[in-house]
């Protein structure tokens, strides 16, 4: 990843980033460890359940999104973390074998009044499957350093 600074997050810019494949063993492991519902941990029960098969936990989907966001959108040179997210939605089930793509749109970028070396970037984040269907959406807020002088 190249270095990105606050000034590089231009309001209105939409970009697609990388992709990540959903692995069945990881779906099962995550489900068993953190979200032990039948449709996340038991392929046989999931086949007759409400989703017609095994699906990833929404929290697993968030973790996959975060991997892409950290790897493809945020820069280790300037990212200071996040004060939170808003409007998290799991729009469609995510299934083993799905290839997920990250789409970001910069909705707001404003400098901090109290700390002029950084700003807040508000980003509309979508994760889409191989058919182009959005499976997750949220609004992320990130603290980003400004470009160093010199």
Protein backbone atom coordinates (compact mmCIF):
# COMPACT_ATOMS: atom_id res chain seq x y z
CA UNK A 1 0.00 0.00 0.00
CA UNK A 2 1.19 3.49 -0.76
CA UNK A 3 1.21 6.19 1.88
CA UNK A 4 -2.03 8.13 2.09
CA UNK A 5 -2.65 11.21 4.17
CA UNK A 6 -5.74 13.17 5.16
CA UNK A 7 -5.42 15.33 2.01
CA UNK A 8 -5.68 12.20 -0.19
CA UNK A 9 -9.21 11.37 1.01
CA UNK A 10 -11.22 13.56 -1.36
CA UNK A 11 -14.94 13.96 -0.69
CA UNK A 12 -17.04 12.22 -3.34
CA UNK A 13 -14.35 9.75 -4.39
CA UNK A 14 -15.57 6.16 -4.79
CA UNK A 15 -13.01 3.39 -5.13
CA UNK A 16 -13.09 -0.40 -5.29
CA UNK A 17 -10.39 -2.28 -3.41
CA UNK A 18 -9.05 -5.81 -3.49
CA UNK A 19 -11.05 -8.88 -2.75
CA UNK A 20 -11.13 -11.64 -0.19
CA UNK A 21 -12.52 -15.17 -0.47
CA UNK A 22 -14.76 -16.60 2.24
CA UNK A 23 -13.33 -19.92 3.41
CA UNK A 24 -15.71 -22.58 4.79
CA UNK A 25 -13.30 -23.74 7.50
CA UNK A 26 -12.94 -20.14 8.70
CA UNK A 27 -16.73 -19.67 8.69
CA UNK A 28 -17.11 -22.78 10.86
CA UNK A 29 -14.23 -21.86 13.17
CA UNK A 30 -15.41 -18.28 13.66
CA UNK A 31 -18.97 -19.44 14.25
CA UNK A 32 -17.92 -22.05 16.81
CA UNK A 33 -15.73 -19.56 18.66
CA UNK A 34 -17.88 -16.42 18.56
CA UNK A 35 -21.39 -16.94 17.13
CA UNK A 36 -22.49 -20.56 17.71
CA UNK A 37 -25.79 -20.56 15.87
CA UNK A 38 -26.67 -23.60 13.71
CA UNK A 39 -26.49 -21.72 10.39
CA UNK A 40 -22.86 -20.71 11.20
CA UNK A 41 -21.54 -23.98 12.67
CA UNK A 42 -23.43 -26.98 11.26
CA UNK A 43 -23.66 -27.47 7.48
CA UNK A 44 -26.37 -30.15 7.83
CA UNK A 45 -28.59 -28.06 10.10
CA UNK A 46 -27.89 -24.97 7.97
CA UNK A 47 -29.08 -26.80 4.82
CA UNK A 48 -32.59 -27.07 6.26
CA UNK A 49 -32.45 -23.72 8.08
CA UNK A 50 -33.73 -20.28 7.14
CA UNK A 51 -30.83 -19.49 4.76
CA UNK A 52 -30.72 -22.78 2.86
CA UNK A 53 -27.10 -23.40 3.75
CA UNK A 54 -24.12 -22.36 5.80
CA UNK A 55 -23.55 -18.60 6.16
CA UNK A 56 -20.82 -16.51 7.77
CA UNK A 57 -21.56 -14.67 10.98
CA UNK A 58 -22.13 -10.97 10.41
CA UNK A 59 -19.24 -10.35 12.78
CA UNK A 60 -17.00 -12.56 10.65
CA UNK A 61 -18.11 -10.53 7.62
CA UNK A 62 -17.11 -7.37 9.52
CA UNK A 63 -13.69 -8.87 10.21
CA UNK A 64 -13.22 -9.65 6.50
CA UNK A 65 -14.26 -6.08 5.63
CA UNK A 66 -11.81 -4.70 8.21
CA UNK A 67 -8.98 -6.73 6.72
CA UNK A 68 -9.61 -5.14 3.32
CA UNK A 69 -10.15 -1.67 4.80
CA UNK A 70 -6.88 -1.79 6.74
CA UNK A 71 -4.93 -3.36 3.89
CA UNK A 72 -6.33 -1.40 0.93
CA UNK A 73 -7.86 1.89 2.14
CA UNK A 74 -6.18 3.05 5.32
CA UNK A 75 -2.47 3.82 5.38
CA UNK A 76 -0.24 2.60 8.22
CA UNK A 77 1.63 5.90 7.87
CA UNK A 78 -1.39 8.04 8.78
CA UNK A 79 -4.21 6.00 10.32
CA UNK A 80 -4.85 6.79 13.98
CA UNK A 81 -7.76 4.41 14.46
CA UNK A 82 -11.47 5.07 14.67
CA UNK A 83 -13.88 6.62 17.15
CA UNK A 84 -16.59 4.29 15.82
CA UNK A 85 -18.94 3.29 13.04
CA UNK A 86 -22.57 4.04 12.28
CA UNK A 87 -25.36 2.33 10.38
CA UNK A 88 -23.94 -1.19 10.26
CA UNK A 89 -26.16 -3.42 8.13
CA UNK A 90 -25.82 -7.04 7.09
CA UNK A 91 -27.77 -6.83 3.86
CA UNK A 92 -27.39 -10.35 2.44
CA UNK A 93 -26.00 -13.66 3.68
CA UNK A 94 -22.32 -14.34 3.01
CA UNK A 95 -21.55 -17.92 2.00
CA UNK A 96 -18.39 -20.01 1.84
CA UNK A 97 -16.75 -19.51 -1.55
CA UNK A 98 -18.02 -15.94 -1.96
CA UNK A 99 -15.44 -13.49 -3.25
CA UNK A 100 -15.99 -10.15 -1.51
CA UNK A 101 -14.97 -6.74 -2.87
CA UNK A 102 -14.61 -3.54 -0.82
CA UNK A 103 -16.14 -0.29 -2.11
CA UNK A 104 -15.47 3.02 -0.33
CA UNK A 105 -16.92 6.49 -0.83
CA UNK A 106 -15.50 9.46 1.05
CA UNK A 107 -18.54 11.33 2.40
CA UNK A 108 -16.75 13.87 4.61
CA UNK A 109 -13.22 14.98 5.38
CA UNK A 110 -12.70 17.72 7.94
CA UNK A 111 -9.67 18.91 9.86
CA UNK A 112 -9.66 18.70 13.63
CA UNK A 113 -10.13 22.09 15.30
CA UNK A 114 -8.11 21.08 18.35
CA UNK A 115 -5.39 18.99 16.66
CA UNK A 116 -4.46 20.48 13.26
CA UNK A 117 -2.13 17.57 12.40
CA UNK A 118 -5.15 15.31 11.75
CA UNK A 119 -8.66 15.12 10.42
CA UNK A 120 -11.77 12.99 10.52
CA UNK A 121 -12.69 11.06 7.38
CA UNK A 122 -16.22 9.68 7.19
CA UNK A 123 -16.47 6.87 4.64
CA UNK A 124 -19.43 4.94 3.28
CA UNK A 125 -18.22 1.33 3.17
CA UNK A 126 -19.82 -1.50 1.21
CA UNK A 127 -18.78 -5.09 0.82
CA UNK A 128 -20.18 -6.77 -2.30
CA UNK A 129 -20.22 -10.39 -3.43
CA UNK A 130 -19.21 -11.68 -6.88
CA UNK A 131 -22.68 -10.91 -8.26
CA UNK A 132 -22.25 -7.27 -7.23
CA UNK A 133 -24.82 -7.57 -4.44
CA UNK A 134 -24.02 -5.53 -1.33
CA UNK A 135 -23.70 -7.88 1.65
CA UNK A 136 -22.54 -5.37 4.28
CA UNK A 137 -22.74 -1.61 4.59
CA UNK A 138 -21.63 0.85 7.25
CA UNK A 139 -20.33 4.34 7.77
CA UNK A 140 -16.80 4.40 9.14
CA UNK A 141 -15.11 7.30 10.88
CA UNK A 142 -11.31 7.36 10.85
CA UNK A 143 -8.75 9.73 12.30
CA UNK A 144 -6.08 10.40 9.69
CA UNK A 145 -2.87 12.40 9.98
CA UNK A 146 -2.25 15.27 7.57
CA UNK A 147 0.72 15.11 5.21
CA UNK A 148 3.92 16.09 7.03
CA UNK A 149 5.48 19.39 5.96
CA UNK A 150 8.64 19.25 3.94
